[in-house]
């Protein structure tokens, strides 16, 4: 059933009920008023004159007596008054019912017109929204007028369209960057295979060298695809929630990263205190691993990495700080976007997905992510998880 018809029925029913209540109240008030009959008595005054007293009501006051003839006349008059009142009440009920029926029809017609007038802005907005697609998502409703519920609804839809436009633009950039990142190793693979095929002087050693290069390129592609899969999984939301000890995950990640820290001569300072969070253990471990890997990969010779976990009030936190090249403060937000690097090279095998994955995982866990550029170089990153709910 259309909204306009429902509103019309609602208006009609409300008018019918209110009219019926008004009719019932009027009927009861008139019915309880009772018939008024004029009755008179005569008496002789001490001076020998005649005194006439007139009373209005259904009966005489107490102590007043009528002669027999006058009493019979009064009874007949009262009976006639009762019949007239009953007839009048019947006419009142019939005529009021007819008037109510006529006004109910008029109320339905007026309700249909009023409902159409009220819903007209909604119909205009509906037609405008139906015309908007991915190709013209930049269009807005731009409803003008007083700040009422319809204006608030239109502004909310415009805000939603704005966020959708931003998401579509981000998706397009993501697809373009992913295609670019995948095209580079595929081109290199094709060049290595073509060289092996067309080289007439190829030897087993040259084949082995080219195969090693192909294996390195394949591993790079596998890491890229795994990162894309993790990013898509975290943006989809959490499939499971478990109680996780953040300090234990951090120790495991630091233990696995110790050989890389030794190879780069990095000093790793860990202040790992108990911190319990709720979330997906695999994603939280990936968040910690990406932060530690980012801190080690973008560092300076003889640099330093500081990792800390603990609690702040009822909330747990993870903090990772590193030395490194200076980062312009205006670049910090860009580094959280996919495929964004401080320098635009990918020779180190990193694709600029580390911090974007961290941000996506933090958002999936409703955690607050703070990234700050240190004046002396490097980044200070802090993840503050929500308080763990206790049963």
Protein backbone atom coordinates (compact mmCIF):
# COMPACT_ATOMS: atom_id res chain seq x y z
CA UNK A 1 0.00 0.00 0.00
CA UNK A 2 1.34 3.40 -0.96
CA UNK A 3 2.33 5.86 1.76
CA UNK A 4 -0.10 8.46 0.42
CA UNK A 5 -3.02 6.06 0.75
CA UNK A 6 -1.92 5.05 4.25
CA UNK A 7 -1.69 8.69 5.32
CA UNK A 8 -5.13 9.37 3.83
CA UNK A 9 -6.63 6.46 5.74
CA UNK A 10 -4.88 7.63 8.89
CA UNK A 11 -6.21 11.17 8.54
CA UNK A 12 -9.75 9.84 7.82
CA UNK A 13 -9.75 7.43 10.75
CA UNK A 14 -8.47 10.10 13.14
CA UNK A 15 -11.15 12.55 11.99
CA UNK A 16 -13.86 9.88 12.25
CA UNK A 17 -12.81 8.93 15.77
CA UNK A 18 -12.53 12.52 16.96
CA UNK A 19 -15.93 13.36 15.38
CA UNK A 20 -17.56 10.32 16.99
CA UNK A 21 -16.14 11.28 20.40
CA UNK A 22 -17.36 14.86 19.96
CA UNK A 23 -20.82 13.60 18.95
CA UNK A 24 -20.97 11.26 21.95
CA UNK A 25 -19.99 14.05 24.37
CA UNK A 26 -22.60 16.41 22.88
CA UNK A 27 -25.29 13.73 23.02
CA UNK A 28 -24.56 12.92 26.66
CA UNK A 29 -24.55 16.56 27.71
CA UNK A 30 -27.89 17.22 26.02
CA UNK A 31 -29.42 13.98 27.32
CA UNK A 32 -28.49 14.75 30.94
CA UNK A 33 -29.90 18.27 30.80
CA UNK A 34 -33.48 16.91 31.19
CA UNK A 35 -36.76 18.60 30.10
CA UNK A 36 -37.69 21.90 31.72
CA UNK A 37 -41.46 22.38 32.39
CA UNK A 38 -43.04 25.59 33.60
CA UNK A 39 -45.51 24.99 36.52
CA UNK A 40 -47.48 27.58 38.48
CA UNK A 41 -49.38 27.67 41.77
CA UNK A 42 -51.86 30.23 43.11
CA UNK A 43 -52.52 31.24 46.71
CA UNK A 44 -54.52 33.84 48.62
CA UNK A 45 -52.67 36.70 50.29
CA UNK A 46 -53.63 38.04 53.75
CA UNK A 47 -55.16 41.11 52.10
CA UNK A 48 -57.51 38.92 50.08
CA UNK A 49 -55.57 39.07 46.78
CA UNK A 50 -54.23 36.24 44.57
CA UNK A 51 -50.50 35.29 44.32
CA UNK A 52 -49.12 33.30 41.39
CA UNK A 53 -45.76 31.39 41.66
CA UNK A 54 -44.06 29.94 38.52
CA UNK A 55 -41.46 27.10 38.77
CA UNK A 56 -39.20 25.83 35.99
CA UNK A 57 -38.10 22.19 36.26
CA UNK A 58 -39.33 18.61 36.27
CA UNK A 59 -40.99 18.85 39.68
CA UNK A 60 -42.09 21.38 42.23
CA UNK A 61 -39.90 22.25 45.18
CA UNK A 62 -40.48 20.35 48.42
CA UNK A 63 -43.48 21.54 50.38
CA UNK A 64 -45.33 23.00 47.36
CA UNK A 65 -48.62 21.27 46.56
CA UNK A 66 -50.81 21.59 43.48
CA UNK A 67 -54.52 21.09 43.30
CA UNK A 68 -55.57 17.78 41.76
CA UNK A 69 -56.58 19.29 38.44
CA UNK A 70 -53.42 21.29 38.10
CA UNK A 71 -51.32 18.26 39.14
CA UNK A 72 -52.80 16.18 36.31
CA UNK A 73 -52.15 18.94 33.84
CA UNK A 74 -48.53 19.20 35.06
CA UNK A 75 -48.05 15.42 34.64
CA UNK A 76 -49.36 15.59 31.09
CA UNK A 77 -47.09 18.51 30.33
CA UNK A 78 -44.06 16.67 31.76
CA UNK A 79 -44.83 13.56 29.67
CA UNK A 80 -45.14 15.67 26.56
CA UNK A 81 -41.80 17.34 27.37
CA UNK A 82 -40.15 13.92 27.73
CA UNK A 83 -41.47 12.79 24.37
CA UNK A 84 -40.27 16.01 22.74
CA UNK A 85 -36.83 15.58 24.28
CA UNK A 86 -36.59 11.95 23.09
CA UNK A 87 -37.59 13.01 19.59
CA UNK A 88 -35.11 15.85 19.70
CA UNK A 89 -32.30 13.49 20.84
CA UNK A 90 -33.18 11.09 18.05
CA UNK A 91 -33.06 13.90 15.48
CA UNK A 92 -29.80 15.14 16.97
CA UNK A 93 -28.26 11.66 16.70
CA UNK A 94 -29.43 11.10 13.11
CA UNK A 95 -28.48 14.53 11.83
CA UNK A 96 -25.10 14.45 13.61
CA UNK A 97 -24.39 11.02 12.11
CA UNK A 98 -25.21 12.29 8.62
CA UNK A 99 -23.03 15.37 9.17
CA UNK A 100 -20.21 13.13 10.46
CA UNK A 101 -20.46 10.87 7.40
CA UNK A 102 -20.34 13.84 5.02
CA UNK A 103 -17.39 15.39 6.85
CA UNK A 104 -15.60 12.02 6.89
CA UNK A 105 -15.75 11.92 3.08
CA UNK A 106 -14.51 15.51 2.91
CA UNK A 107 -11.77 14.67 5.41
CA UNK A 108 -10.65 11.74 3.24
CA UNK A 109 -10.48 13.97 0.18
CA UNK A 110 -8.61 16.69 2.06
CA UNK A 111 -6.34 14.03 3.60
CA UNK A 112 -5.50 12.73 0.12
CA UNK A 113 -4.60 16.25 -1.03
CA UNK A 114 -2.62 17.06 2.12
CA UNK A 115 -0.74 13.75 1.98
CA UNK A 116 0.20 14.44 -1.64
CA UNK A 117 1.44 17.89 -0.68
CA UNK A 118 3.45 16.52 2.23
CA UNK A 119 4.97 13.70 0.17
CA UNK A 120 5.78 15.83 -2.87
CA UNK A 121 9.30 16.77 -1.62
CA UNK A 122 9.97 13.10 -0.91
CA UNK A 123 8.92 12.14 -4.43
CA UNK A 124 11.21 14.84 -5.84
CA UNK A 125 14.12 13.51 -3.77
CA UNK A 126 13.31 9.94 -4.82
CA UNK A 127 13.41 10.85 -8.52
CA UNK A 128 16.69 12.72 -8.01
CA UNK A 129 18.28 9.79 -6.18
CA UNK A 130 17.12 7.36 -8.88
CA UNK A 131 18.94 9.44 -11.49
CA UNK A 132 22.21 9.31 -9.54
CA UNK A 133 24.56 6.47 -10.43
CA UNK A 134 28.29 5.78 -10.27
CA UNK A 135 28.79 8.06 -13.27
CA UNK A 136 27.13 11.12 -11.76
CA UNK A 137 27.53 10.47 -8.04
CA UNK A 138 28.81 14.03 -7.75
CA UNK A 139 25.24 15.34 -8.07
CA UNK A 140 23.42 16.41 -4.91
CA UNK A 141 19.80 16.95 -3.91
CA UNK A 142 20.57 20.47 -2.65
CA UNK A 143 17.13 20.95 -1.09
CA UNK A 144 16.44 24.52 0.01
CA UNK A 145 13.96 25.78 2.53
CA UNK A 146 13.50 25.85 6.29
CA UNK A 147 15.42 23.49 8.52
CA UNK A 148 12.80 20.77 9.02
CA UNK A 149 12.75 16.97 8.90
CA UNK A 150 12.73 16.85 5.08
CA UNK A 151 15.64 19.28 4.85
CA UNK A 152 17.58 17.20 7.39
CA UNK A 153 16.81 14.05 5.39
CA UNK A 154 18.02 15.67 2.15
CA UNK A 155 21.21 16.91 3.84
CA UNK A 156 21.81 13.43 5.25
CA UNK A 157 21.42 11.90 1.78
CA UNK A 158 23.80 14.53 0.35
CA UNK A 159 26.33 13.63 3.05
CA UNK A 160 25.94 9.95 2.21
CA UNK A 161 26.46 10.69 -1.49
CA UNK A 162 29.57 12.67 -0.61
CA UNK A 163 31.01 9.76 1.35
CA UNK A 164 30.05 7.38 -1.43
CA UNK A 165 31.77 9.59 -4.00
CA UNK A 166 34.92 9.66 -1.87
CA UNK A 167 34.78 5.87 -1.45
CA UNK A 168 34.35 5.34 -5.20
CA UNK A 169 37.25 7.67 -5.96
CA UNK A 170 39.38 5.84 -3.42
CA UNK A 171 38.34 2.51 -4.94
CA UNK A 172 39.29 3.70 -8.42
CA UNK A 173 42.68 4.88 -7.20
CA UNK A 174 43.17 1.62 -5.34
CA UNK A 175 42.40 -0.46 -8.42
CA UNK A 176 44.66 1.69 -10.59
CA UNK A 177 47.52 1.48 -8.09
CA UNK A 178 47.05 -2.27 -7.61
CA UNK A 179 47.09 -2.78 -11.37
CA UNK A 180 50.27 -0.71 -11.60
CA UNK A 181 51.94 -2.64 -8.78
CA UNK A 182 51.03 -5.97 -10.36
CA UNK A 183 52.01 -4.88 -13.86
CA UNK A 184 55.63 -4.20 -12.85
CA UNK A 185 56.53 -7.74 -11.69
CA UNK A 186 54.53 -9.27 -14.55
CA UNK A 187 56.52 -7.18 -17.02
CA UNK A 188 59.76 -8.26 -15.34
CA UNK A 189 58.70 -11.90 -15.44
CA UNK A 190 57.88 -11.65 -19.13
CA UNK A 191 61.25 -10.01 -19.85
CA UNK A 192 63.17 -12.72 -17.97
CA UNK A 193 61.28 -15.51 -19.73
CA UNK A 194 61.70 -13.84 -23.12
CA UNK A 195 65.41 -13.42 -22.54
CA UNK A 196 65.76 -17.09 -21.63
CA UNK A 197 63.86 -18.15 -24.76
CA UNK A 198 65.61 -15.94 -27.35
CA UNK A 199 69.15 -16.22 -25.93
CA UNK A 200 70.93 -18.78 -28.18
CA UNK A 201 73.92 -18.93 -25.85
CA UNK A 202 71.92 -19.62 -22.69
CA UNK A 203 73.56 -22.00 -20.25
CA UNK A 204 72.40 -23.86 -17.21
CA UNK A 205 73.96 -21.21 -14.98
CA UNK A 206 72.16 -18.38 -16.81
CA UNK A 207 68.89 -20.30 -16.61
CA UNK A 208 69.46 -20.83 -12.89
CA UNK A 209 70.15 -17.13 -12.37
CA UNK A 210 67.04 -16.12 -14.27
CA UNK A 211 64.93 -18.67 -12.37
CA UNK A 212 66.19 -17.24 -9.08
CA UNK A 213 65.12 -13.80 -10.26
CA UNK A 214 61.74 -15.20 -11.26
CA UNK A 215 61.36 -16.78 -7.82
CA UNK A 216 62.12 -13.42 -6.18
CA UNK A 217 59.55 -11.69 -8.38
CA UNK A 218 57.00 -14.42 -7.63
CA UNK A 219 57.57 -14.02 -3.89
CA UNK A 220 57.09 -10.28 -4.26
CA UNK A 221 53.78 -10.87 -6.03
CA UNK A 222 52.71 -13.34 -3.35
CA UNK A 223 53.41 -10.77 -0.62
CA UNK A 224 51.44 -8.15 -2.53
CA UNK A 225 48.46 -10.45 -3.00
CA UNK A 226 48.57 -11.50 0.65
CA UNK A 227 48.60 -7.86 1.71
CA UNK A 228 45.66 -7.11 -0.56
CA UNK A 229 43.78 -10.07 0.90
CA UNK A 230 44.45 -8.93 4.47
CA UNK A 231 43.36 -5.40 3.58
CA UNK A 232 40.12 -6.65 2.03
CA UNK A 233 39.47 -8.96 5.00
CA UNK A 234 39.98 -6.23 7.58
CA UNK A 235 37.80 -3.75 5.68
CA UNK A 236 35.02 -6.35 5.54
CA UNK A 237 34.85 -6.47 9.33
CA UNK A 238 35.50 -9.02 12.07
CA UNK A 239 34.31 -12.59 11.64
CA UNK A 240 35.23 -13.62 15.17
CA UNK A 241 35.99 -11.99 18.51
CA UNK A 242 38.35 -13.53 21.04
CA UNK A 243 40.18 -12.34 24.11
CA UNK A 244 43.79 -11.71 23.05
CA UNK A 245 46.83 -10.94 25.18
CA UNK A 246 48.50 -8.15 23.22
CA UNK A 247 51.81 -8.47 25.06
CA UNK A 248 52.25 -12.13 24.06
CA UNK A 249 51.57 -11.37 20.39
CA UNK A 250 54.06 -8.50 20.52
CA UNK A 251 56.77 -10.72 22.03
CA UNK A 252 56.23 -13.32 19.30
CA UNK A 253 56.46 -10.69 16.57
CA UNK A 254 59.63 -9.17 18.04
CA UNK A 255 61.18 -12.62 18.38
CA UNK A 256 60.48 -13.34 14.69
CA UNK A 257 61.84 -9.91 13.66
CA UNK A 258 65.05 -10.22 15.70
CA UNK A 259 67.18 -11.58 12.78
CA UNK A 260 66.15 -8.64 10.57
CA UNK A 261 66.97 -6.20 13.37
CA UNK A 262 70.41 -7.75 13.75
CA UNK A 263 71.01 -7.63 10.00
CA UNK A 264 70.21 -3.90 9.93
CA UNK A 265 72.07 -3.20 13.22
CA UNK A 266 68.92 -1.78 14.78
CA UNK A 267 68.49 -1.43 18.53
CA UNK A 268 65.08 -2.71 19.61
CA UNK A 269 63.80 -1.57 23.00
CA UNK A 270 60.68 -3.35 24.19
CA UNK A 271 58.59 -2.42 27.22
CA UNK A 272 55.91 -5.07 26.99
CA UNK A 273 53.37 -5.06 29.78
CA UNK A 274 50.14 -7.08 30.04
CA UNK A 275 47.39 -5.70 27.85
CA UNK A 276 44.29 -7.68 27.02
CA UNK A 277 42.13 -6.78 24.02
CA UNK A 278 39.15 -8.30 22.22
CA UNK A 279 39.30 -9.02 18.50
CA UNK A 280 40.58 -11.27 15.74
CA UNK A 281 43.94 -12.73 16.84
CA UNK A 282 45.24 -13.11 13.27
CA UNK A 283 44.43 -9.52 12.34
CA UNK A 284 45.83 -8.10 15.58
CA UNK A 285 49.04 -10.07 15.06
CA UNK A 286 49.23 -8.71 11.50
CA UNK A 287 48.77 -5.17 12.86
CA UNK A 288 51.67 -5.60 15.26
CA UNK A 289 53.84 -7.25 12.58
CA UNK A 290 53.17 -4.48 10.06
CA UNK A 291 54.03 -1.76 12.58
CA UNK A 292 57.27 -3.48 13.57
CA UNK A 293 58.18 -4.21 9.93
CA UNK A 294 57.44 -0.62 8.95
CA UNK A 295 59.58 0.69 11.84
CA UNK A 296 62.53 -1.51 10.80
CA UNK A 297 62.23 -1.06 7.03
CA UNK A 298 62.05 2.74 7.11
CA UNK A 299 64.92 3.41 9.44
CA UNK A 300 68.50 4.71 9.35
CA UNK A 301 71.78 2.86 9.96
CA UNK A 302 72.30 2.15 13.65
CA UNK A 303 68.70 3.25 14.21
CA UNK A 304 66.35 2.44 17.03
CA UNK A 305 62.89 0.91 17.39
CA UNK A 306 60.85 1.24 20.58
CA UNK A 307 57.84 -1.00 21.17
CA UNK A 308 55.55 -0.78 24.18
CA UNK A 309 52.28 -2.32 25.30
CA UNK A 310 50.23 -1.61 28.39
CA UNK A 311 47.00 -0.18 29.71
CA UNK A 312 45.71 3.34 29.98
CA UNK A 313 42.77 3.32 32.33
CA UNK A 314 40.49 0.55 31.11
CA UNK A 315 41.94 0.58 27.57
CA UNK A 316 45.00 -1.25 26.20
CA UNK A 317 47.53 0.33 23.88
CA UNK A 318 50.35 -0.55 21.51
CA UNK A 319 53.06 1.99 20.77
CA UNK A 320 55.78 1.70 18.09
CA UNK A 321 58.35 4.47 17.61
CA UNK A 322 61.34 4.45 15.30
CA UNK A 323 64.15 6.61 14.07
CA UNK A 324 64.31 7.22 10.35
CA UNK A 325 64.28 9.81 7.63
CA UNK A 326 62.30 12.98 8.36
CA UNK A 327 58.63 12.71 7.40
CA UNK A 328 56.83 15.93 6.44
CA UNK A 329 53.79 16.28 8.76
CA UNK A 330 51.52 16.86 5.77
CA UNK A 331 52.55 13.44 4.39
CA UNK A 332 51.42 11.49 7.47
CA UNK A 333 47.80 11.12 6.39
CA UNK A 334 48.84 10.10 2.87
CA UNK A 335 51.01 7.30 4.24
CA UNK A 336 47.85 5.70 5.66
CA UNK A 337 46.41 5.33 2.14
CA UNK A 338 47.14 2.21 0.06
CA UNK A 339 50.25 2.24 -2.17
CA UNK A 340 51.57 5.46 -0.64
CA UNK A 341 55.29 5.64 0.15
CA UNK A 342 57.55 8.39 1.36
CA UNK A 343 59.58 7.78 -1.79
CA UNK A 344 57.90 6.40 -4.89
CA UNK A 345 60.19 3.41 -5.42
CA UNK A 346 59.35 -0.20 -4.72
CA UNK A 347 62.78 -1.74 -5.11
CA UNK A 348 62.78 -2.85 -1.47
CA UNK A 349 59.76 -5.09 -2.04
CA UNK A 350 57.39 -2.89 -0.06
CA UNK A 351 54.21 -1.79 -1.78
CA UNK A 352 52.97 0.92 0.56
CA UNK A 353 50.25 -1.24 2.10
CA UNK A 354 51.64 -1.69 5.60
CA UNK A 355 50.16 1.36 7.31
CA UNK A 356 46.93 1.21 5.33
CA UNK A 357 46.43 -2.36 6.60
CA UNK A 358 47.17 -1.13 10.14
CA UNK A 359 44.56 1.60 9.79
CA UNK A 360 41.97 -0.82 8.39
CA UNK A 361 42.54 -3.37 11.17
CA UNK A 362 42.39 -0.64 13.82
CA UNK A 363 39.10 0.62 12.36
CA UNK A 364 37.69 -2.92 12.32
CA UNK A 365 38.47 -3.20 16.06
CA UNK A 366 37.13 0.32 16.83
CA UNK A 367 40.62 1.29 17.98
CA UNK A 368 42.07 4.80 17.85
CA UNK A 369 45.12 5.06 15.58
CA UNK A 370 47.49 8.01 16.07
CA UNK A 371 50.41 8.58 13.70
CA UNK A 372 52.82 11.43 14.44
CA UNK A 373 55.93 12.52 12.57
CA UNK A 374 58.88 12.88 14.97
CA UNK A 375 60.89 16.14 14.55
CA UNK A 376 64.16 14.18 14.59
CA UNK A 377 62.91 11.71 11.99
CA UNK A 378 60.75 8.62 11.89
CA UNK A 379 57.24 8.03 13.16
CA UNK A 380 55.52 7.58 16.51
CA UNK A 381 52.48 5.32 16.09
CA UNK A 382 50.02 4.48 18.83
CA UNK A 383 46.99 2.18 18.75
CA UNK A 384 44.49 2.53 21.60
CA UNK A 385 42.05 -0.38 21.78
CA UNK A 386 38.56 -0.19 23.31
CA UNK A 387 38.02 -1.34 26.88
CA UNK A 388 37.41 -5.05 27.26
CA UNK A 389 33.82 -5.75 28.26
CA UNK A 390 33.52 -7.90 31.35
CA UNK A 391 30.67 -10.33 31.84
